[in-house]
Amino acid sequence: MDAEKIVATILLRDNYRRTRIQYLLRMIVVMVALTGLSLLGTWSILTREDEYRYLMTEPSGKLLPVIPLDQRHASDEDVLKWTMDAVTRVYTFDFANYRRQFQSAQRLMTPIGWDGYQRALRESGNFVAVVENKYVTTAAPSGPARILSQGLLNDAYGNIRWSWTIEVPILVTYQSSKQRTSQDLIATVTLIRVPSYVNYYGAQIRQIIAR
């Protein structure tokens, strides 16, 4: 009986060892597999090209649709409304606050448009007259704006953009403590599409000629 117990004990011990070895081998296989998957995932992350998605928003946070610059982005009515508002803002300034007002107006124009506007102010003598005579200049629509033409236009950099030529009648009033005078003008505006990150509306004034 003692011999049988010894043999049984040895068999049980060997069986236990085999079971442990099998369990350890399985654990090793699982660990190797998990390590391999982890390395594969890390390699995939490190070698993957970055992808960026951009969302345009208005200052209020409203999402803006991304529309190609060679396409119109708004209705004729909306374009006329925006242009009329922009023109009245451009021609409304005074001797005391013109720096801030011009800074705001500049955002409504392309660099070429802004340079042309400044040059016209200098050459006409209007800016000097406003400052020296301490005028407050205000502009208001004197009639409905209308679209003369619209279509594709090459910009200064050779890019094709959608553009509009718009006519806006305005009444410009110059007023100081001593006098008041008014002038009827017709502003012919060339409006051109720009990226929304340049101007949230998606368009700016490329040229403005007032007669």
C-alpha atoms as a PDB file:
ATOM      1  CA  MET A   1       0.000   0.000   0.000  1.00  0.00           C
ATOM      2  CA  ASP A   2       2.826   2.339   0.794  1.00  0.00           C
ATOM      3  CA  ALA A   3       4.310   1.749  -2.633  1.00  0.00           C
ATOM      4  CA  GLU A   4       0.937   2.372  -4.261  1.00  0.00           C
ATOM      5  CA  LYS A   5       0.542   5.641  -2.319  1.00  0.00           C
ATOM      6  CA  ILE A   6       4.017   6.741  -3.348  1.00  0.00           C
ATOM      7  CA  VAL A   7       3.278   5.983  -7.005  1.00  0.00           C
ATOM      8  CA  ALA A   8      -0.091   7.761  -6.793  1.00  0.00           C
ATOM      9  CA  THR A   9       1.558  10.776  -5.166  1.00  0.00           C
ATOM     10  CA  ILE A  10       4.205  10.912  -7.897  1.00  0.00           C
ATOM     11  CA  LEU A  11       1.541  10.647 -10.603  1.00  0.00           C
ATOM     12  CA  LEU A  12      -0.538  13.393  -9.032  1.00  0.00           C
ATOM     13  CA  ARG A  13       2.522  15.611  -8.680  1.00  0.00           C
ATOM     14  CA  ASP A  14       3.528  15.043 -12.310  1.00  0.00           C
ATOM     15  CA  ASN A  15      -0.016  15.701 -13.483  1.00  0.00           C
ATOM     16  CA  TYR A  16      -0.117  18.930 -11.466  1.00  0.00           C
ATOM     17  CA  ARG A  17       3.190  20.034 -12.974  1.00  0.00           C
ATOM     18  CA  ARG A  18       1.965  19.286 -16.486  1.00  0.00           C
ATOM     19  CA  THR A  19      -1.225  21.219 -15.809  1.00  0.00           C
ATOM     20  CA  ARG A  20       0.743  24.215 -14.521  1.00  0.00           C
ATOM     21  CA  ILE A  21       3.133  24.098 -17.474  1.00  0.00           C
ATOM     22  CA  GLN A  22       0.228  23.959 -19.922  1.00  0.00           C
ATOM     23  CA  TYR A  23      -1.439  26.865 -18.144  1.00  0.00           C
ATOM     24  CA  LEU A  24       1.781  28.897 -18.198  1.00  0.00           C
ATOM     25  CA  LEU A  25       2.297  28.122 -21.882  1.00  0.00           C
ATOM     26  CA  ARG A  26      -1.220  29.308 -22.664  1.00  0.00           C
ATOM     27  CA  MET A  27      -0.653  32.494 -20.677  1.00  0.00           C
ATOM     28  CA  ILE A  28       2.615  33.102 -22.536  1.00  0.00           C
ATOM     29  CA  VAL A  29       0.866  32.628 -25.877  1.00  0.00           C
ATOM     30  CA  VAL A  30      -1.883  35.067 -24.849  1.00  0.00           C
ATOM     31  CA  MET A  31       0.668  37.634 -23.612  1.00  0.00           C
ATOM     32  CA  VAL A  32       2.690  37.357 -26.830  1.00  0.00           C
ATOM     33  CA  ALA A  33      -0.476  37.801 -28.890  1.00  0.00           C
ATOM     34  CA  LEU A  34      -1.548  40.863 -26.884  1.00  0.00           C
ATOM     35  CA  THR A  35       1.949  42.349 -27.115  1.00  0.00           C
ATOM     36  CA  GLY A  36       1.928  41.801 -30.859  1.00  0.00           C
ATOM     37  CA  LEU A  37      -1.452  43.502 -31.218  1.00  0.00           C
ATOM     38  CA  SER A  38      -0.254  46.401 -29.074  1.00  0.00           C
ATOM     39  CA  LEU A  39       2.889  46.836 -31.187  1.00  0.00           C
ATOM     40  CA  LEU A  40       0.824  46.623 -34.364  1.00  0.00           C
ATOM     41  CA  GLY A  41      -1.552  49.306 -33.081  1.00  0.00           C
ATOM     42  CA  THR A  42       1.342  51.566 -32.063  1.00  0.00           C
ATOM     43  CA  TRP A  43       2.991  51.133 -35.464  1.00  0.00           C
ATOM     44  CA  SER A  44      -0.297  51.916 -37.194  1.00  0.00           C
ATOM     45  CA  ILE A  45      -0.710  55.143 -35.186  1.00  0.00           C
ATOM     46  CA  LEU A  46       2.888  56.268 -35.756  1.00  0.00           C
ATOM     47  CA  THR A  47       2.829  55.631 -39.510  1.00  0.00           C
ATOM     48  CA  ARG A  48      -0.674  56.963 -40.201  1.00  0.00           C
ATOM     49  CA  GLU A  49      -0.844  60.294 -42.015  1.00  0.00           C
ATOM     50  CA  ASP A  50      -2.578  63.070 -40.100  1.00  0.00           C
ATOM     51  CA  GLU A  51      -6.020  64.000 -41.350  1.00  0.00           C
ATOM     52  CA  TYR A  52      -7.513  67.388 -40.608  1.00  0.00           C
ATOM     53  CA  ARG A  53     -11.108  68.495 -40.860  1.00  0.00           C
ATOM     54  CA  TYR A  54     -11.920  72.176 -40.820  1.00  0.00           C
ATOM     55  CA  LEU A  55     -15.231  73.688 -39.803  1.00  0.00           C
ATOM     56  CA  MET A  56     -16.004  77.287 -40.630  1.00  0.00           C
ATOM     57  CA  THR A  57     -18.141  79.217 -38.167  1.00  0.00           C
ATOM     58  CA  GLU A  58     -19.614  82.683 -37.868  1.00  0.00           C
ATOM     59  CA  PRO A  59     -18.546  84.848 -34.897  1.00  0.00           C
ATOM     60  CA  SER A  60     -21.742  83.659 -33.208  1.00  0.00           C
ATOM     61  CA  GLY A  61     -20.598  80.029 -33.536  1.00  0.00           C
ATOM     62  CA  LYS A  62     -23.007  79.053 -36.316  1.00  0.00           C
ATOM     63  CA  LEU A  63     -21.498  76.551 -38.756  1.00  0.00           C
ATOM     64  CA  LEU A  64     -20.847  77.828 -42.268  1.00  0.00           C
ATOM     65  CA  PRO A  65     -21.083  75.575 -45.322  1.00  0.00           C
ATOM     66  CA  VAL A  66     -17.856  75.181 -47.312  1.00  0.00           C
ATOM     67  CA  ILE A  67     -18.683  76.251 -50.877  1.00  0.00           C
ATOM     68  CA  PRO A  68     -16.050  76.358 -53.669  1.00  0.00           C
ATOM     69  CA  LEU A  69     -14.893  79.878 -54.487  1.00  0.00           C
ATOM     70  CA  ASP A  70     -15.869  79.522 -58.141  1.00  0.00           C
ATOM     71  CA  GLN A  71     -19.504  79.149 -57.129  1.00  0.00           C
ATOM     72  CA  ARG A  72     -22.053  81.598 -55.761  1.00  0.00           C
ATOM     73  CA  HIS A  73     -22.702  81.120 -52.059  1.00  0.00           C
ATOM     74  CA  ALA A  74     -25.796  83.240 -51.445  1.00  0.00           C
ATOM     75  CA  SER A  75     -28.980  84.429 -53.107  1.00  0.00           C
ATOM     76  CA  ASP A  76     -29.040  87.660 -55.118  1.00  0.00           C
ATOM     77  CA  GLU A  77     -31.184  89.277 -52.430  1.00  0.00           C
ATOM     78  CA  ASP A  78     -28.704  88.375 -49.694  1.00  0.00           C
ATOM     79  CA  VAL A  79     -25.740  89.598 -51.756  1.00  0.00           C
ATOM     80  CA  LEU A  80     -27.452  92.930 -52.439  1.00  0.00           C
ATOM     81  CA  LYS A  81     -28.283  93.377 -48.758  1.00  0.00           C
ATOM     82  CA  TRP A  82     -24.719  92.634 -47.652  1.00  0.00           C
ATOM     83  CA  THR A  83     -23.202  94.905 -50.303  1.00  0.00           C
ATOM     84  CA  MET A  84     -25.491  97.822 -49.460  1.00  0.00           C
ATOM     85  CA  ASP A  85     -24.617  97.503 -45.773  1.00  0.00           C
ATOM     86  CA  ALA A  86     -20.893  97.255 -46.572  1.00  0.00           C
ATOM     87  CA  VAL A  87     -20.923 100.344 -48.814  1.00  0.00           C
ATOM     88  CA  THR A  88     -22.705 102.485 -46.220  1.00  0.00           C
ATOM     89  CA  ARG A  89     -20.187 101.382 -43.581  1.00  0.00           C
ATOM     90  CA  VAL A  90     -17.254 102.159 -45.868  1.00  0.00           C
ATOM     91  CA  TYR A  91     -18.458 105.717 -46.477  1.00  0.00           C
ATOM     92  CA  THR A  92     -19.442 106.431 -42.873  1.00  0.00           C
ATOM     93  CA  PHE A  93     -16.597 107.872 -40.801  1.00  0.00           C
ATOM     94  CA  ASP A  94     -15.710 111.012 -38.863  1.00  0.00           C
ATOM     95  CA  PHE A  95     -12.690 113.094 -37.929  1.00  0.00           C
ATOM     96  CA  ALA A  96     -12.458 111.675 -34.393  1.00  0.00           C
ATOM     97  CA  ASN A  97     -13.000 107.942 -34.930  1.00  0.00           C
ATOM     98  CA  TYR A  98     -11.829 107.314 -38.489  1.00  0.00           C
ATOM     99  CA  ARG A  99      -8.986 104.973 -37.445  1.00  0.00           C
ATOM    100  CA  ARG A 100     -11.331 102.505 -35.767  1.00  0.00           C
ATOM    101  CA  GLN A 101     -13.932 102.920 -38.509  1.00  0.00           C
ATOM    102  CA  PHE A 102     -11.382 102.304 -41.269  1.00  0.00           C
ATOM    103  CA  GLN A 103     -10.100  99.239 -39.453  1.00  0.00           C
ATOM    104  CA  SER A 104     -13.631  97.842 -39.487  1.00  0.00           C
ATOM    105  CA  ALA A 105     -14.139  98.805 -43.145  1.00  0.00           C
ATOM    106  CA  GLN A 106     -10.871  97.153 -44.154  1.00  0.00           C
ATOM    107  CA  ARG A 107     -12.265  93.735 -43.227  1.00  0.00           C
ATOM    108  CA  LEU A 108     -14.952  94.202 -45.869  1.00  0.00           C
ATOM    109  CA  MET A 109     -12.396  94.554 -48.692  1.00  0.00           C
ATOM    110  CA  THR A 110      -9.671  92.567 -50.361  1.00  0.00           C
ATOM    111  CA  PRO A 111      -6.143  94.052 -50.075  1.00  0.00           C
ATOM    112  CA  ILE A 112      -6.466  95.393 -53.638  1.00  0.00           C
ATOM    113  CA  GLY A 113      -9.883  96.843 -52.862  1.00  0.00           C
ATOM    114  CA  TRP A 114      -8.636  98.526 -49.698  1.00  0.00           C
ATOM    115  CA  ASP A 115      -5.630 100.071 -51.460  1.00  0.00           C
ATOM    116  CA  GLY A 116      -7.888 101.440 -54.195  1.00  0.00           C
ATOM    117  CA  TYR A 117     -10.319 102.883 -51.659  1.00  0.00           C
ATOM    118  CA  GLN A 118      -7.543 104.645 -49.730  1.00  0.00           C
ATOM    119  CA  ARG A 119      -6.052 106.020 -52.940  1.00  0.00           C
ATOM    120  CA  ALA A 120      -9.440 107.389 -54.024  1.00  0.00           C
ATOM    121  CA  LEU A 121      -9.904 109.113 -50.647  1.00  0.00           C
ATOM    122  CA  ARG A 122      -6.501 110.778 -50.934  1.00  0.00           C
ATOM    123  CA  GLU A 123      -6.858 111.832 -54.564  1.00  0.00           C
ATOM    124  CA  SER A 124     -10.363 113.237 -54.086  1.00  0.00           C
ATOM    125  CA  GLY A 125      -9.309 115.244 -51.037  1.00  0.00           C
ATOM    126  CA  ASN A 126     -12.349 113.994 -49.101  1.00  0.00           C
ATOM    127  CA  PHE A 127     -10.352 112.531 -46.232  1.00  0.00           C
ATOM    128  CA  VAL A 128      -8.328 115.714 -45.688  1.00  0.00           C
ATOM    129  CA  ALA A 129     -11.515 117.781 -45.831  1.00  0.00           C
ATOM    130  CA  VAL A 130     -13.232 115.583 -43.242  1.00  0.00           C
ATOM    131  CA  VAL A 131     -10.317 115.795 -40.801  1.00  0.00           C
ATOM    132  CA  GLU A 132      -9.554 119.501 -41.249  1.00  0.00           C
ATOM    133  CA  ASN A 133     -13.187 120.628 -41.109  1.00  0.00           C
ATOM    134  CA  LYS A 134     -14.098 118.132 -38.379  1.00  0.00           C
ATOM    135  CA  TYR A 135     -16.857 116.559 -40.403  1.00  0.00           C
ATOM    136  CA  VAL A 136     -19.020 113.624 -39.431  1.00  0.00           C
ATOM    137  CA  THR A 137     -19.639 111.729 -42.659  1.00  0.00           C
ATOM    138  CA  THR A 138     -22.617 109.403 -42.912  1.00  0.00           C
ATOM    139  CA  ALA A 139     -23.825 107.333 -45.844  1.00  0.00           C
ATOM    140  CA  ALA A 140     -27.304 105.928 -46.409  1.00  0.00           C
ATOM    141  CA  PRO A 141     -28.938 104.089 -49.311  1.00  0.00           C
ATOM    142  CA  SER A 142     -30.865 106.452 -51.582  1.00  0.00           C
ATOM    143  CA  GLY A 143     -32.434 103.720 -53.697  1.00  0.00           C
ATOM    144  CA  PRO A 144     -32.414  99.969 -54.328  1.00  0.00           C
ATOM    145  CA  ALA A 145     -29.150  98.265 -55.220  1.00  0.00           C
ATOM    146  CA  ARG A 146     -29.027  96.139 -58.351  1.00  0.00           C
ATOM    147  CA  ILE A 147     -26.749  93.496 -59.813  1.00  0.00           C
ATOM    148  CA  LEU A 148     -25.300  94.576 -63.159  1.00  0.00           C
ATOM    149  CA  SER A 149     -23.521  91.297 -63.871  1.00  0.00           C
ATOM    150  CA  GLN A 150     -22.130  88.195 -62.206  1.00  0.00           C
ATOM    151  CA  GLY A 151     -19.904  85.305 -63.207  1.00  0.00           C
ATOM    152  CA  LEU A 152     -16.367  83.927 -63.032  1.00  0.00           C
ATOM    153  CA  LEU A 153     -13.415  86.290 -62.669  1.00  0.00           C
ATOM    154  CA  ASN A 154      -9.648  85.783 -62.375  1.00  0.00           C
ATOM    155  CA  ASP A 155      -8.322  87.372 -59.200  1.00  0.00           C
ATOM    156  CA  ALA A 156      -4.926  89.042 -58.809  1.00  0.00           C
ATOM    157  CA  TYR A 157      -3.257  85.671 -58.149  1.00  0.00           C
ATOM    158  CA  GLY A 158      -4.695  83.817 -61.134  1.00  0.00           C
ATOM    159  CA  ASN A 159      -7.430  82.070 -59.156  1.00  0.00           C
ATOM    160  CA  ILE A 160     -10.906  81.803 -60.612  1.00  0.00           C
ATOM    161  CA  ARG A 161     -13.539  83.293 -58.302  1.00  0.00           C
ATOM    162  CA  TRP A 162     -17.240  84.006 -58.569  1.00  0.00           C
ATOM    163  CA  SER A 163     -17.878  87.746 -58.660  1.00  0.00           C
ATOM    164  CA  TRP A 164     -20.663  90.305 -58.894  1.00  0.00           C
ATOM    165  CA  THR A 165     -20.788  93.845 -60.251  1.00  0.00           C
ATOM    166  CA  ILE A 166     -23.326  95.768 -58.192  1.00  0.00           C
ATOM    167  CA  GLU A 167     -24.633  99.313 -58.360  1.00  0.00           C
ATOM    168  CA  VAL A 168     -25.535 100.991 -55.060  1.00  0.00           C
ATOM    169  CA  PRO A 169     -27.032 104.526 -54.927  1.00  0.00           C
ATOM    170  CA  ILE A 170     -26.097 106.322 -51.708  1.00  0.00           C
ATOM    171  CA  LEU A 171     -26.525 109.723 -50.113  1.00  0.00           C
ATOM    172  CA  VAL A 172     -23.371 110.918 -48.332  1.00  0.00           C
ATOM    173  CA  THR A 173     -23.828 113.703 -45.781  1.00  0.00           C
ATOM    174  CA  TYR A 174     -20.981 115.843 -44.395  1.00  0.00           C
ATOM    175  CA  GLN A 175     -21.840 117.656 -41.193  1.00  0.00           C
ATOM    176  CA  SER A 176     -19.877 119.807 -38.774  1.00  0.00           C
ATOM    177  CA  SER A 177     -20.819 122.297 -36.083  1.00  0.00           C
ATOM    178  CA  LYS A 178     -20.912 125.030 -38.723  1.00  0.00           C
ATOM    179  CA  GLN A 179     -22.343 123.478 -41.855  1.00  0.00           C
ATOM    180  CA  ARG A 180     -24.059 120.539 -43.465  1.00  0.00           C
ATOM    181  CA  THR A 181     -23.879 119.354 -47.064  1.00  0.00           C
ATOM    182  CA  SER A 182     -24.991 116.244 -48.938  1.00  0.00           C
ATOM    183  CA  GLN A 183     -23.892 114.457 -52.082  1.00  0.00           C
ATOM    184  CA  ASP A 184     -25.697 111.842 -54.185  1.00  0.00           C
ATOM    185  CA  LEU A 185     -23.368 109.112 -55.410  1.00  0.00           C
ATOM    186  CA  ILE A 186     -23.617 105.908 -57.388  1.00  0.00           C
ATOM    187  CA  ALA A 187     -21.181 103.309 -56.039  1.00  0.00           C
ATOM    188  CA  THR A 188     -20.213 100.600 -58.518  1.00  0.00           C
ATOM    189  CA  VAL A 189     -18.918  97.640 -56.536  1.00  0.00           C
ATOM    190  CA  THR A 190     -17.035  94.554 -57.653  1.00  0.00           C
ATOM    191  CA  LEU A 191     -17.677  91.836 -55.082  1.00  0.00           C
ATOM    192  CA  ILE A 192     -15.587  88.668 -55.158  1.00  0.00           C
ATOM    193  CA  ARG A 193     -15.729  85.340 -53.322  1.00  0.00           C
ATOM    194  CA  VAL A 194     -13.105  84.772 -50.620  1.00  0.00           C
ATOM    195  CA  PRO A 195     -12.546  81.942 -48.112  1.00  0.00           C
ATOM    196  CA  SER A 196     -14.710  82.157 -45.006  1.00  0.00           C
ATOM    197  CA  TYR A 197     -11.625  82.371 -42.779  1.00  0.00           C
ATOM    198  CA  VAL A 198     -10.737  85.650 -44.538  1.00  0.00           C
ATOM    199  CA  ASN A 199     -14.245  87.071 -44.190  1.00  0.00           C
ATOM    200  CA  TYR A 200     -16.969  85.033 -42.536  1.00  0.00           C
ATOM    201  CA  TYR A 201     -19.520  86.134 -45.152  1.00  0.00           C
ATOM    202  CA  GLY A 202     -17.418  84.519 -47.887  1.00  0.00           C
ATOM    203  CA  ALA A 203     -17.050  87.636 -50.053  1.00  0.00           C
ATOM    204  CA  GLN A 204     -15.222  90.973 -50.048  1.00  0.00           C
ATOM    205  CA  ILE A 205     -15.185  94.166 -52.073  1.00  0.00           C
ATOM    206  CA  ARG A 206     -12.472  94.029 -54.740  1.00  0.00           C
ATOM    207  CA  GLN A 207     -13.218  97.456 -56.162  1.00  0.00           C
ATOM    208  CA  ILE A 208     -15.519 100.351 -55.348  1.00  0.00           C
ATOM    209  CA  ILE A 209     -15.929 103.410 -57.556  1.00  0.00           C
ATOM    210  CA  ALA A 210     -18.232 106.219 -56.436  1.00  0.00           C
ATOM    211  CA  ARG A 211     -19.384 108.901 -58.853  1.00  0.00           C
END
